[in-house]
Amino acid sequence: MATLTYVYADSTAVLGPLATYAEPHCYDLCAQHAGSLTVPRGWEVLRLAMPSQPPQPGPDDLLALADAVREAASRPAASGTSQGQRGAHSALEAPAGAEGVRRGHLRILREPS
């Protein structure tokens, strides 16, 4: 995995280790695409040294993950019931008279009479 960063003004593309934060003009690439990267004619590509193994999560990463989980758990559910309390079948039930109700990635369509 690598991050591609480019600067139009300098006609330069930089391929290096995965970025730790999002920036404009940055794209994460898989190993296959990072290895076969080509740039437009007249551009320069700088390939930075890549670590032999991906970095292991540190204490800051684990604390950030724990904080995110706590925050998500403390938010009230939108419909008054939590996701875990709903049965699997209730996600497919539509209110009476509702056409094309959207539940997650599924859409309920009633058969025409």
C-alpha atoms as a PDB file:
ATOM      1  CA  MET A   1       0.000   0.000   0.000  1.00  0.00           C
ATOM      2  CA  ALA A   2       1.215   3.499  -0.802  1.00  0.00           C
ATOM      3  CA  THR A   3      -0.068   7.047  -1.046  1.00  0.00           C
ATOM      4  CA  LEU A   4       0.198   8.987  -4.296  1.00  0.00           C
ATOM      5  CA  THR A   5       0.495  12.754  -3.939  1.00  0.00           C
ATOM      6  CA  TYR A   6       0.843  15.088  -6.884  1.00  0.00           C
ATOM      7  CA  VAL A   7       1.513  18.761  -7.480  1.00  0.00           C
ATOM      8  CA  TYR A   8       0.422  20.111 -10.850  1.00  0.00           C
ATOM      9  CA  ALA A   9       2.529  23.281 -10.546  1.00  0.00           C
ATOM     10  CA  ASP A  10       5.727  21.212 -10.236  1.00  0.00           C
ATOM     11  CA  SER A  11       4.653  18.383 -12.594  1.00  0.00           C
ATOM     12  CA  THR A  12       5.635  15.979  -9.837  1.00  0.00           C
ATOM     13  CA  ALA A  13       4.048  12.839  -8.403  1.00  0.00           C
ATOM     14  CA  VAL A  14       5.291  11.404  -5.104  1.00  0.00           C
ATOM     15  CA  LEU A  15       4.692   7.771  -4.181  1.00  0.00           C
ATOM     16  CA  GLY A  16       5.393   6.999  -0.537  1.00  0.00           C
ATOM     17  CA  PRO A  17       4.146   5.302   2.618  1.00  0.00           C
ATOM     18  CA  LEU A  18       0.455   5.516   3.494  1.00  0.00           C
ATOM     19  CA  ALA A  19      -0.517   8.984   4.656  1.00  0.00           C
ATOM     20  CA  THR A  20      -1.757   9.332   8.217  1.00  0.00           C
ATOM     21  CA  TYR A  21      -4.234  12.094   7.336  1.00  0.00           C
ATOM     22  CA  ALA A  22      -6.259  13.115   4.291  1.00  0.00           C
ATOM     23  CA  GLU A  23      -5.008  15.853   1.989  1.00  0.00           C
ATOM     24  CA  PRO A  24      -6.250  17.197  -1.322  1.00  0.00           C
ATOM     25  CA  HIS A  25      -4.552  15.514  -4.283  1.00  0.00           C
ATOM     26  CA  CYS A  26      -3.700  12.357  -2.263  1.00  0.00           C
ATOM     27  CA  TYR A  27      -4.771   8.862  -3.235  1.00  0.00           C
ATOM     28  CA  ASP A  28      -4.087   5.534  -1.521  1.00  0.00           C
ATOM     29  CA  LEU A  29      -3.016   2.772  -3.915  1.00  0.00           C
ATOM     30  CA  CYS A  30      -2.750  -0.986  -3.527  1.00  0.00           C
ATOM     31  CA  ALA A  31       0.649  -2.626  -3.997  1.00  0.00           C
ATOM     32  CA  GLN A  32      -0.120  -3.663  -7.601  1.00  0.00           C
ATOM     33  CA  HIS A  33      -1.098  -0.160  -8.725  1.00  0.00           C
ATOM     34  CA  ALA A  34       1.721   1.482  -6.760  1.00  0.00           C
ATOM     35  CA  GLY A  35       4.216  -0.804  -8.506  1.00  0.00           C
ATOM     36  CA  SER A  36       2.866  -0.107 -11.999  1.00  0.00           C
ATOM     37  CA  LEU A  37       2.385   3.664 -11.608  1.00  0.00           C
ATOM     38  CA  THR A  38       3.247   5.775 -14.640  1.00  0.00           C
ATOM     39  CA  VAL A  39       3.049   9.558 -14.919  1.00  0.00           C
ATOM     40  CA  PRO A  40       2.365  11.841 -17.883  1.00  0.00           C
ATOM     41  CA  ARG A  41       5.216  12.736 -20.235  1.00  0.00           C
ATOM     42  CA  GLY A  42       7.276  15.574 -18.759  1.00  0.00           C
ATOM     43  CA  TRP A  43       6.335  14.718 -15.182  1.00  0.00           C
ATOM     44  CA  GLU A  44       8.727  13.454 -12.540  1.00  0.00           C
ATOM     45  CA  VAL A  45       7.844  10.645 -10.149  1.00  0.00           C
ATOM     46  CA  LEU A  46       9.572  10.436  -6.777  1.00  0.00           C
ATOM     47  CA  ARG A  47       9.398   7.040  -5.104  1.00  0.00           C
ATOM     48  CA  LEU A  48      10.064   7.321  -1.382  1.00  0.00           C
ATOM     49  CA  ALA A  49      11.423   4.410   0.627  1.00  0.00           C
ATOM     50  CA  MET A  50       8.607   2.125   1.670  1.00  0.00           C
ATOM     51  CA  PRO A  51       8.602   0.312   5.030  1.00  0.00           C
ATOM     52  CA  SER A  52       9.061  -3.448   4.745  1.00  0.00           C
ATOM     53  CA  GLN A  53       6.095  -4.040   7.075  1.00  0.00           C
ATOM     54  CA  PRO A  54       3.025  -1.910   7.704  1.00  0.00           C
ATOM     55  CA  PRO A  55       3.241   0.114  10.913  1.00  0.00           C
ATOM     56  CA  GLN A  56       1.636  -1.477  13.945  1.00  0.00           C
ATOM     57  CA  PRO A  57      -1.090   0.429  15.770  1.00  0.00           C
ATOM     58  CA  GLY A  58       0.311   2.510  18.589  1.00  0.00           C
ATOM     59  CA  PRO A  59      -1.257   3.617  21.860  1.00  0.00           C
ATOM     60  CA  ASP A  60      -2.666   6.773  20.234  1.00  0.00           C
ATOM     61  CA  ASP A  61      -4.410   4.699  17.547  1.00  0.00           C
ATOM     62  CA  LEU A  62      -5.963   2.390  20.124  1.00  0.00           C
ATOM     63  CA  LEU A  63      -7.143   5.308  22.277  1.00  0.00           C
ATOM     64  CA  ALA A  64      -8.695   7.013  19.245  1.00  0.00           C
ATOM     65  CA  LEU A  65     -10.521   3.789  18.360  1.00  0.00           C
ATOM     66  CA  ALA A  66     -11.791   3.379  21.932  1.00  0.00           C
ATOM     67  CA  ASP A  67     -12.992   7.018  21.980  1.00  0.00           C
ATOM     68  CA  ALA A  68     -14.830   6.542  18.673  1.00  0.00           C
ATOM     69  CA  VAL A  69     -16.570   3.402  19.969  1.00  0.00           C
ATOM     70  CA  ARG A  70     -17.595   5.173  23.201  1.00  0.00           C
ATOM     71  CA  GLU A  71     -18.935   8.145  21.240  1.00  0.00           C
ATOM     72  CA  ALA A  72     -20.948   5.924  18.888  1.00  0.00           C
ATOM     73  CA  ALA A  73     -22.371   3.947  21.812  1.00  0.00           C
ATOM     74  CA  SER A  74     -23.485   7.093  23.639  1.00  0.00           C
ATOM     75  CA  ARG A  75     -25.419   8.515  20.663  1.00  0.00           C
ATOM     76  CA  PRO A  76     -29.173   7.904  20.843  1.00  0.00           C
ATOM     77  CA  ALA A  77     -30.634   5.799  18.049  1.00  0.00           C
ATOM     78  CA  ALA A  78     -32.538   7.784  15.412  1.00  0.00           C
ATOM     79  CA  SER A  79     -35.764   5.788  15.723  1.00  0.00           C
ATOM     80  CA  GLY A  80     -35.723   5.374  19.498  1.00  0.00           C
ATOM     81  CA  THR A  81     -34.541   1.748  19.407  1.00  0.00           C
ATOM     82  CA  SER A  82     -30.997   0.609  19.042  1.00  0.00           C
ATOM     83  CA  GLN A  83     -29.822  -1.416  16.060  1.00  0.00           C
ATOM     84  CA  GLY A  84     -29.202  -4.442  18.298  1.00  0.00           C
ATOM     85  CA  GLN A  85     -32.786  -4.449  19.659  1.00  0.00           C
ATOM     86  CA  ARG A  86     -34.412  -4.674  16.234  1.00  0.00           C
ATOM     87  CA  GLY A  87     -35.058  -8.078  14.767  1.00  0.00           C
ATOM     88  CA  ALA A  88     -33.656  -8.954  11.347  1.00  0.00           C
ATOM     89  CA  HIS A  89     -37.176  -9.137   9.886  1.00  0.00           C
ATOM     90  CA  SER A  90     -38.149  -5.644  11.086  1.00  0.00           C
ATOM     91  CA  ALA A  91     -35.586  -4.048   8.769  1.00  0.00           C
ATOM     92  CA  LEU A  92     -37.658  -5.307   5.834  1.00  0.00           C
ATOM     93  CA  GLU A  93     -41.069  -4.227   7.105  1.00  0.00           C
ATOM     94  CA  ALA A  94     -42.460  -1.024   5.655  1.00  0.00           C
ATOM     95  CA  PRO A  95     -45.046   1.267   7.207  1.00  0.00           C
ATOM     96  CA  ALA A  96     -48.549   0.770   5.819  1.00  0.00           C
ATOM     97  CA  GLY A  97     -49.008   2.574   2.499  1.00  0.00           C
ATOM     98  CA  ALA A  98     -45.290   3.288   2.050  1.00  0.00           C
ATOM     99  CA  GLU A  99     -43.942   2.835  -1.471  1.00  0.00           C
ATOM    100  CA  GLY A 100     -40.242   2.387  -2.137  1.00  0.00           C
ATOM    101  CA  VAL A 101     -39.247   2.729   1.515  1.00  0.00           C
ATOM    102  CA  ARG A 102     -35.502   2.642   1.902  1.00  0.00           C
ATOM    103  CA  ARG A 103     -33.939   0.659   4.762  1.00  0.00           C
ATOM    104  CA  GLY A 104     -30.144   0.681   4.580  1.00  0.00           C
ATOM    105  CA  HIS A 105     -29.137  -0.623   1.170  1.00  0.00           C
ATOM    106  CA  LEU A 106     -32.444  -2.420   0.596  1.00  0.00           C
ATOM    107  CA  ARG A 107     -35.580  -0.956  -0.982  1.00  0.00           C
ATOM    108  CA  ILE A 108     -39.064  -2.357  -0.391  1.00  0.00           C
ATOM    109  CA  LEU A 109     -41.310  -2.338  -3.432  1.00  0.00           C
ATOM    110  CA  ARG A 110     -44.933  -3.338  -3.222  1.00  0.00           C
ATOM    111  CA  GLU A 111     -46.341  -5.505  -5.979  1.00  0.00           C
ATOM    112  CA  PRO A 112     -48.911  -3.582  -8.042  1.00  0.00           C
ATOM    113  CA  SER A 113     -52.530  -4.606  -7.369  1.00  0.00           C
END
